Protein backbone atom coordinates (compact mmCIF):
# COMPACT_ATOMS: atom_id res chain seq x y z
CA MET A 1 1.79 0.20 -6.70
CA PRO A 2 -1.36 0.30 -8.82
CA ASP A 3 -2.45 -3.48 -7.29
CA LEU A 4 -2.14 -2.14 -3.82
CA LYS A 5 -3.98 1.10 -4.77
CA ASN A 6 -7.11 -1.10 -6.13
CA LYS A 7 -7.21 -3.31 -3.34
CA LEU A 8 -7.22 -0.38 -1.43
CA ASP A 9 -10.56 1.01 -3.60
CA LYS A 10 -12.18 -2.20 -3.33
CA LEU A 11 -11.34 -2.83 0.33
CA LEU A 12 -13.32 0.32 1.00
CA SER A 13 -15.74 0.43 -0.90
CA GLU A 14 -16.38 -3.24 0.11
CA ALA A 15 -16.65 -1.33 4.01
CA ALA A 16 -18.90 0.48 2.48
CA GLU A 17 -21.54 -1.57 1.25
CA CYS A 18 -21.25 -3.48 4.26
CA GLN A 19 -22.21 -0.22 6.56
CA MET A 20 -24.78 0.51 4.67
CA ILE A 21 -26.49 -2.99 4.68
CA GLY A 22 -25.52 -2.81 8.42
CA SER A 23 -28.21 0.20 8.89
CA LEU A 24 -30.26 -1.66 6.78
CA ALA A 25 -31.04 -4.92 8.05
CA ALA A 26 -34.17 -5.46 10.03
CA ASP A 27 -32.19 -7.85 12.13
CA ALA A 28 -29.86 -6.60 15.72
CA ALA A 29 -27.99 -9.45 14.89
CA LYS A 30 -27.23 -8.61 11.68
CA ARG A 31 -26.48 -5.16 11.84
CA ALA A 32 -23.64 -5.91 14.12
CA ALA A 33 -22.47 -8.72 12.08
CA TYR A 34 -22.57 -6.36 8.80
CA ARG A 35 -21.47 -3.86 11.11
CA GLU A 36 -18.45 -5.53 12.45
CA ARG A 37 -17.51 -6.75 8.99
CA ALA A 38 -17.10 -3.61 7.51
CA ASP A 39 -14.88 -2.69 10.07
CA GLN A 40 -13.01 -5.63 9.33
CA PHE A 41 -12.73 -4.28 5.72
CA ARG A 42 -11.07 -1.01 7.62
CA ASP A 43 -8.67 -2.44 9.51
CA LEU A 44 -7.82 -4.61 6.16
CA ALA A 45 -7.87 -1.11 4.56
CA GLU A 46 -5.76 1.37 6.54
CA GLN A 47 -3.10 -1.90 6.78
CA VAL A 48 -2.62 -1.80 3.08
CA ARG A 49 -2.84 2.33 2.90
CA THR A 50 0.34 1.73 5.80
CA GLN A 51 2.11 -0.47 3.08
CA ILE A 52 1.22 2.45 0.59
CA SER A 53 3.06 5.12 2.60
CA ALA A 54 5.77 2.69 3.64
CA ARG A 55 7.46 1.69 0.02
CA PRO A 56 9.40 4.65 -0.64
CA ARG A 57 10.43 4.78 2.29
CA ARG A 58 11.97 1.32 2.83
CA ASN A 59 13.54 2.45 -1.26
CA ILE A 60 15.40 5.30 0.55
CA GLU A 61 16.00 3.48 3.91
CA PHE A 62 17.89 0.32 1.65
CA LEU A 63 20.16 3.43 -0.06
CA LEU A 64 21.31 4.92 3.21
CA SER A 65 22.18 1.65 5.18
CA ARG A 66 23.96 1.11 1.80
CA PRO A 67 25.71 3.60 0.47
CA GLU A 68 28.50 1.45 -1.00
CA SER A 69 26.09 -0.01 -3.24
CA ALA A 70 24.42 3.43 -4.10
CA ALA A 71 28.04 4.22 -5.47
CA SER A 72 28.80 1.42 -7.20
CA TRP A 73 25.74 1.27 -9.26
CA LEU A 74 25.91 4.89 -9.53
CA LEU A 75 30.02 4.54 -10.72
CA ASN A 76 28.33 1.50 -13.42
CA SER A 77 25.62 3.66 -14.94
CA THR A 78 28.01 6.29 -15.41
CA MET A 79 30.56 4.03 -17.04
CA LEU A 80 28.22 2.54 -19.04
CA THR A 81 26.65 6.03 -20.52
CA SER A 82 29.69 7.46 -20.59
CA LYS A 83 31.64 8.18 -23.94
CA PRO A 84 35.56 7.13 -24.10
CA THR A 85 37.39 11.05 -24.46
CA CYS A 86 40.43 9.44 -26.69
């Protein structure tokens, strides 16, 4: 997850930099090209943000879709950590 957050920060930084360069460019074609690039970086950042927000949900959906797996994992982990009562 930290890798995705770092990528998100990098993409947003690149978008801001392209936007700034585009606003300073004297040539109209260069302004448009840098602003388009900034939009592309923002789109990629939004995709990464969507992946970050979807990750925990995927884990919960998996456990809910396979309760027998969750139950067996819980049973096994409890059996391994419990002490015998004999």
